[in-house]
Amino acid sequence: MELIMIFLVFFILMIISSILNVLLKMTDKKDWAISLSLSVVLSIVIVSLL
């Protein structure tokens, strides 16, 4: 159950970061890696808080 929550939150955060990357035109590989790692960390933190 917790794994599903992590994936769900991670998926939502990835969508948000993808939209932000497109809007801000930051489509470098480095920016994608930063947003990916941020999404992973944030999803784990959010699920652990819930």
N, C-alpha and C. Protein backbone atom coordinates (compact mmCIF):
# COMPACT_ATOMS: atom_id res chain seq x y z
N MET A 1 0.83 -1.21 0.00
CA MET A 1 0.00 0.00 0.00
C MET A 1 0.86 1.26 0.00
N GLU A 2 1.91 1.26 0.83
CA GLU A 2 2.78 2.42 0.91
C GLU A 2 3.55 2.65 -0.39
N LEU A 3 3.92 1.54 -1.04
CA LEU A 3 4.63 1.63 -2.31
C LEU A 3 3.76 2.28 -3.38
N ILE A 4 2.48 1.93 -3.38
CA ILE A 4 1.54 2.53 -4.33
C ILE A 4 1.42 4.03 -4.08
N MET A 5 1.38 4.43 -2.82
CA MET A 5 1.32 5.85 -2.47
C MET A 5 2.56 6.59 -2.96
N ILE A 6 3.74 5.98 -2.76
CA ILE A 6 4.99 6.60 -3.21
C ILE A 6 4.96 6.79 -4.72
N PHE A 7 4.53 5.76 -5.45
CA PHE A 7 4.47 5.86 -6.90
C PHE A 7 3.47 6.92 -7.36
N LEU A 8 2.35 6.99 -6.68
CA LEU A 8 1.31 7.97 -7.05
C LEU A 8 1.81 9.39 -6.84
N VAL A 9 2.39 9.66 -5.67
CA VAL A 9 2.91 10.99 -5.38
C VAL A 9 4.06 11.33 -6.32
N PHE A 10 4.93 10.33 -6.58
CA PHE A 10 6.06 10.53 -7.49
C PHE A 10 5.57 10.87 -8.89
N PHE A 11 4.52 10.17 -9.34
CA PHE A 11 3.95 10.41 -10.67
C PHE A 11 3.39 11.83 -10.77
N ILE A 12 2.68 12.26 -9.75
CA ILE A 12 2.10 13.62 -9.73
C ILE A 12 3.22 14.66 -9.74
N LEU A 13 4.26 14.45 -8.94
CA LEU A 13 5.38 15.40 -8.90
C LEU A 13 6.14 15.42 -10.22
N MET A 14 6.26 14.27 -10.87
CA MET A 14 6.92 14.24 -12.18
C MET A 14 6.13 15.02 -13.22
N ILE A 15 4.80 14.91 -13.18
CA ILE A 15 3.96 15.68 -14.10
C ILE A 15 4.15 17.17 -13.86
N ILE A 16 4.14 17.57 -12.59
CA ILE A 16 4.32 18.99 -12.26
C ILE A 16 5.68 19.50 -12.72
N SER A 17 6.73 18.72 -12.45
CA SER A 17 8.08 19.16 -12.85
C SER A 17 8.24 19.17 -14.36
N SER A 18 7.56 18.24 -15.05
CA SER A 18 7.62 18.23 -16.51
C SER A 18 6.96 19.48 -17.09
N ILE A 19 5.80 19.84 -16.53
CA ILE A 19 5.10 21.05 -16.98
C ILE A 19 5.95 22.28 -16.70
N LEU A 20 6.58 22.33 -15.53
CA LEU A 20 7.45 23.46 -15.19
C LEU A 20 8.65 23.53 -16.12
N ASN A 21 9.23 22.37 -16.44
CA ASN A 21 10.38 22.35 -17.35
C ASN A 21 9.99 22.85 -18.73
N VAL A 22 8.81 22.47 -19.19
CA VAL A 22 8.35 22.93 -20.50
C VAL A 22 8.06 24.43 -20.48
N LEU A 23 7.41 24.89 -19.41
CA LEU A 23 7.07 26.31 -19.30
C LEU A 23 8.31 27.19 -19.19
N LEU A 24 9.30 26.72 -18.43
CA LEU A 24 10.51 27.51 -18.22
C LEU A 24 11.57 27.22 -19.27
N LYS A 25 11.24 26.33 -20.23
CA LYS A 25 12.14 25.95 -21.31
C LYS A 25 13.48 25.39 -20.79
N MET A 26 13.42 24.76 -19.61
CA MET A 26 14.62 24.15 -19.04
C MET A 26 14.62 22.66 -19.36
N THR A 27 14.97 22.32 -20.59
CA THR A 27 14.89 20.92 -21.01
C THR A 27 16.28 20.31 -21.15
N ASP A 28 17.26 20.86 -20.42
CA ASP A 28 18.59 20.25 -20.39
C ASP A 28 18.54 18.92 -19.65
N LYS A 29 19.47 18.04 -19.99
CA LYS A 29 19.55 16.75 -19.30
C LYS A 29 19.80 16.97 -17.81
N LYS A 30 20.62 17.96 -17.47
CA LYS A 30 20.95 18.25 -16.07
C LYS A 30 19.70 18.67 -15.31
N ASP A 31 18.88 19.53 -15.93
CA ASP A 31 17.65 19.99 -15.28
C ASP A 31 16.67 18.84 -15.07
N TRP A 32 16.60 17.93 -16.06
CA TRP A 32 15.72 16.78 -15.91
C TRP A 32 16.20 15.89 -14.76
N ALA A 33 17.50 15.73 -14.64
CA ALA A 33 18.04 14.90 -13.56
C ALA A 33 17.76 15.53 -12.19
N ILE A 34 17.90 16.86 -12.12
CA ILE A 34 17.62 17.57 -10.86
C ILE A 34 16.15 17.44 -10.49
N SER A 35 15.26 17.65 -11.46
CA SER A 35 13.83 17.56 -11.16
C SER A 35 13.43 16.12 -10.83
N LEU A 36 14.07 15.15 -11.47
CA LEU A 36 13.79 13.75 -11.18
C LEU A 36 14.18 13.40 -9.75
N SER A 37 15.40 13.81 -9.37
CA SER A 37 15.85 13.50 -8.01
C SER A 37 15.03 14.25 -6.96
N LEU A 38 14.64 15.49 -7.28
CA LEU A 38 13.78 16.24 -6.36
C LEU A 38 12.43 15.56 -6.20
N SER A 39 11.89 15.04 -7.29
CA SER A 39 10.60 14.35 -7.24
C SER A 39 10.70 13.09 -6.39
N VAL A 40 11.78 12.36 -6.55
CA VAL A 40 11.97 11.15 -5.75
C VAL A 40 12.03 11.49 -4.27
N VAL A 41 12.85 12.48 -3.91
CA VAL A 41 13.01 12.86 -2.51
C VAL A 41 11.70 13.40 -1.94
N LEU A 42 11.04 14.27 -2.70
CA LEU A 42 9.79 14.85 -2.23
C LEU A 42 8.70 13.80 -2.04
N SER A 43 8.61 12.85 -2.98
CA SER A 43 7.58 11.82 -2.86
C SER A 43 7.80 10.95 -1.64
N ILE A 44 9.06 10.61 -1.36
CA ILE A 44 9.35 9.78 -0.17
C ILE A 44 9.03 10.58 1.11
N VAL A 45 9.39 11.87 1.12
CA VAL A 45 9.13 12.71 2.29
C VAL A 45 7.63 12.86 2.52
N ILE A 46 6.88 13.15 1.44
CA ILE A 46 5.43 13.35 1.56
C ILE A 46 4.75 12.09 2.06
N VAL A 47 5.12 10.94 1.49
CA VAL A 47 4.49 9.68 1.91
C VAL A 47 4.85 9.34 3.35
N SER A 48 6.09 9.63 3.75
CA SER A 48 6.46 9.34 5.13
C SER A 48 5.74 10.26 6.11
N LEU A 49 5.39 11.47 5.66
CA LEU A 49 4.64 12.39 6.53
C LEU A 49 3.17 11.98 6.65
N LEU A 50 2.63 11.36 5.64
CA LEU A 50 1.20 11.00 5.65
C LEU A 50 0.90 9.86 6.63
